[in-house]
Amino acid sequence: MRGLDIDRLEKVVRMTGERALLDAKVNSTHIVYYDPERKTIVRHYPNGYIEPVRDAGEED
């Protein structure tokens, strides 16, 4: 059994995210993912706008 090729895995993950953003653009929607830099879940729109998702427990 071959070992896990980390470079190949990283490429597939990156390409999956890029494809999701293209699909979001075609369908006029957004993608949602965890952003480790912001330490929160975000909505990423095809125009480049990134919006943090408010936690259910947060108050206004």
Protein backbone atom coordinates (compact mmCIF):
# COMPACT_ATOMS: atom_id res chain seq x y z
CA MET A 1 0.00 0.00 0.00
CA ARG A 2 1.36 3.40 -0.96
CA GLY A 3 1.96 6.11 1.60
CA LEU A 4 -0.13 9.26 1.72
CA ASP A 5 1.19 11.95 -0.61
CA ILE A 6 0.59 15.19 1.32
CA ASP A 7 1.31 17.44 -1.66
CA ARG A 8 -1.29 15.63 -3.75
CA LEU A 9 -3.84 15.79 -0.92
CA GLU A 10 -3.30 19.54 -0.47
CA LYS A 11 -3.76 20.06 -4.21
CA VAL A 12 -7.04 18.13 -4.23
CA VAL A 13 -8.35 20.07 -1.23
CA ARG A 14 -7.42 23.41 -2.85
CA MET A 15 -9.00 22.42 -6.16
CA THR A 16 -12.18 21.32 -4.38
CA GLY A 17 -12.51 24.74 -2.74
CA GLU A 18 -11.88 26.51 -6.05
CA ARG A 19 -14.53 24.35 -7.74
CA ALA A 20 -17.03 25.08 -4.96
CA LEU A 21 -16.50 28.83 -5.44
CA LEU A 22 -17.00 28.48 -9.22
CA ASP A 23 -20.23 26.54 -8.62
CA ALA A 24 -21.36 29.25 -6.18
CA LYS A 25 -20.76 31.89 -8.84
CA VAL A 26 -22.77 29.97 -11.45
CA ASN A 27 -25.62 29.45 -8.97
CA SER A 28 -25.51 32.99 -7.48
CA THR A 29 -24.80 31.76 -3.97
CA HIS A 30 -21.88 31.45 -1.53
CA ILE A 31 -19.74 28.78 0.11
CA VAL A 32 -19.33 28.29 3.85
CA TYR A 33 -16.16 27.08 5.55
CA TYR A 34 -14.05 27.43 8.69
CA ASP A 35 -11.41 30.16 8.37
CA PRO A 36 -8.52 29.34 10.72
CA GLU A 37 -7.14 32.90 10.53
CA ARG A 38 -10.42 34.38 11.77
CA LYS A 39 -11.14 31.36 13.96
CA THR A 40 -14.76 31.36 12.83
CA ILE A 41 -17.07 30.05 10.14
CA VAL A 42 -17.41 32.39 7.15
CA ARG A 43 -19.53 32.85 4.05
CA HIS A 44 -17.37 33.47 0.97
CA TYR A 45 -19.15 35.12 -1.94
CA PRO A 46 -17.97 34.86 -5.57
CA ASN A 47 -17.24 38.62 -5.64
CA GLY A 48 -14.57 38.07 -2.97
CA TYR A 49 -16.59 39.36 0.00
CA ILE A 50 -16.07 37.23 3.11
CA GLU A 51 -18.63 37.51 5.90
CA PRO A 52 -18.20 35.95 9.35
CA VAL A 53 -21.17 33.81 10.40
CA ARG A 54 -22.55 34.86 13.74
CA ASP A 55 -22.60 32.12 16.37
CA ALA A 56 -26.04 30.98 17.50
CA GLY A 57 -25.09 31.96 21.06
CA GLU A 58 -23.96 35.50 20.19
CA GLU A 59 -26.08 38.45 21.12
CA ASP A 60 -26.49 41.59 18.99
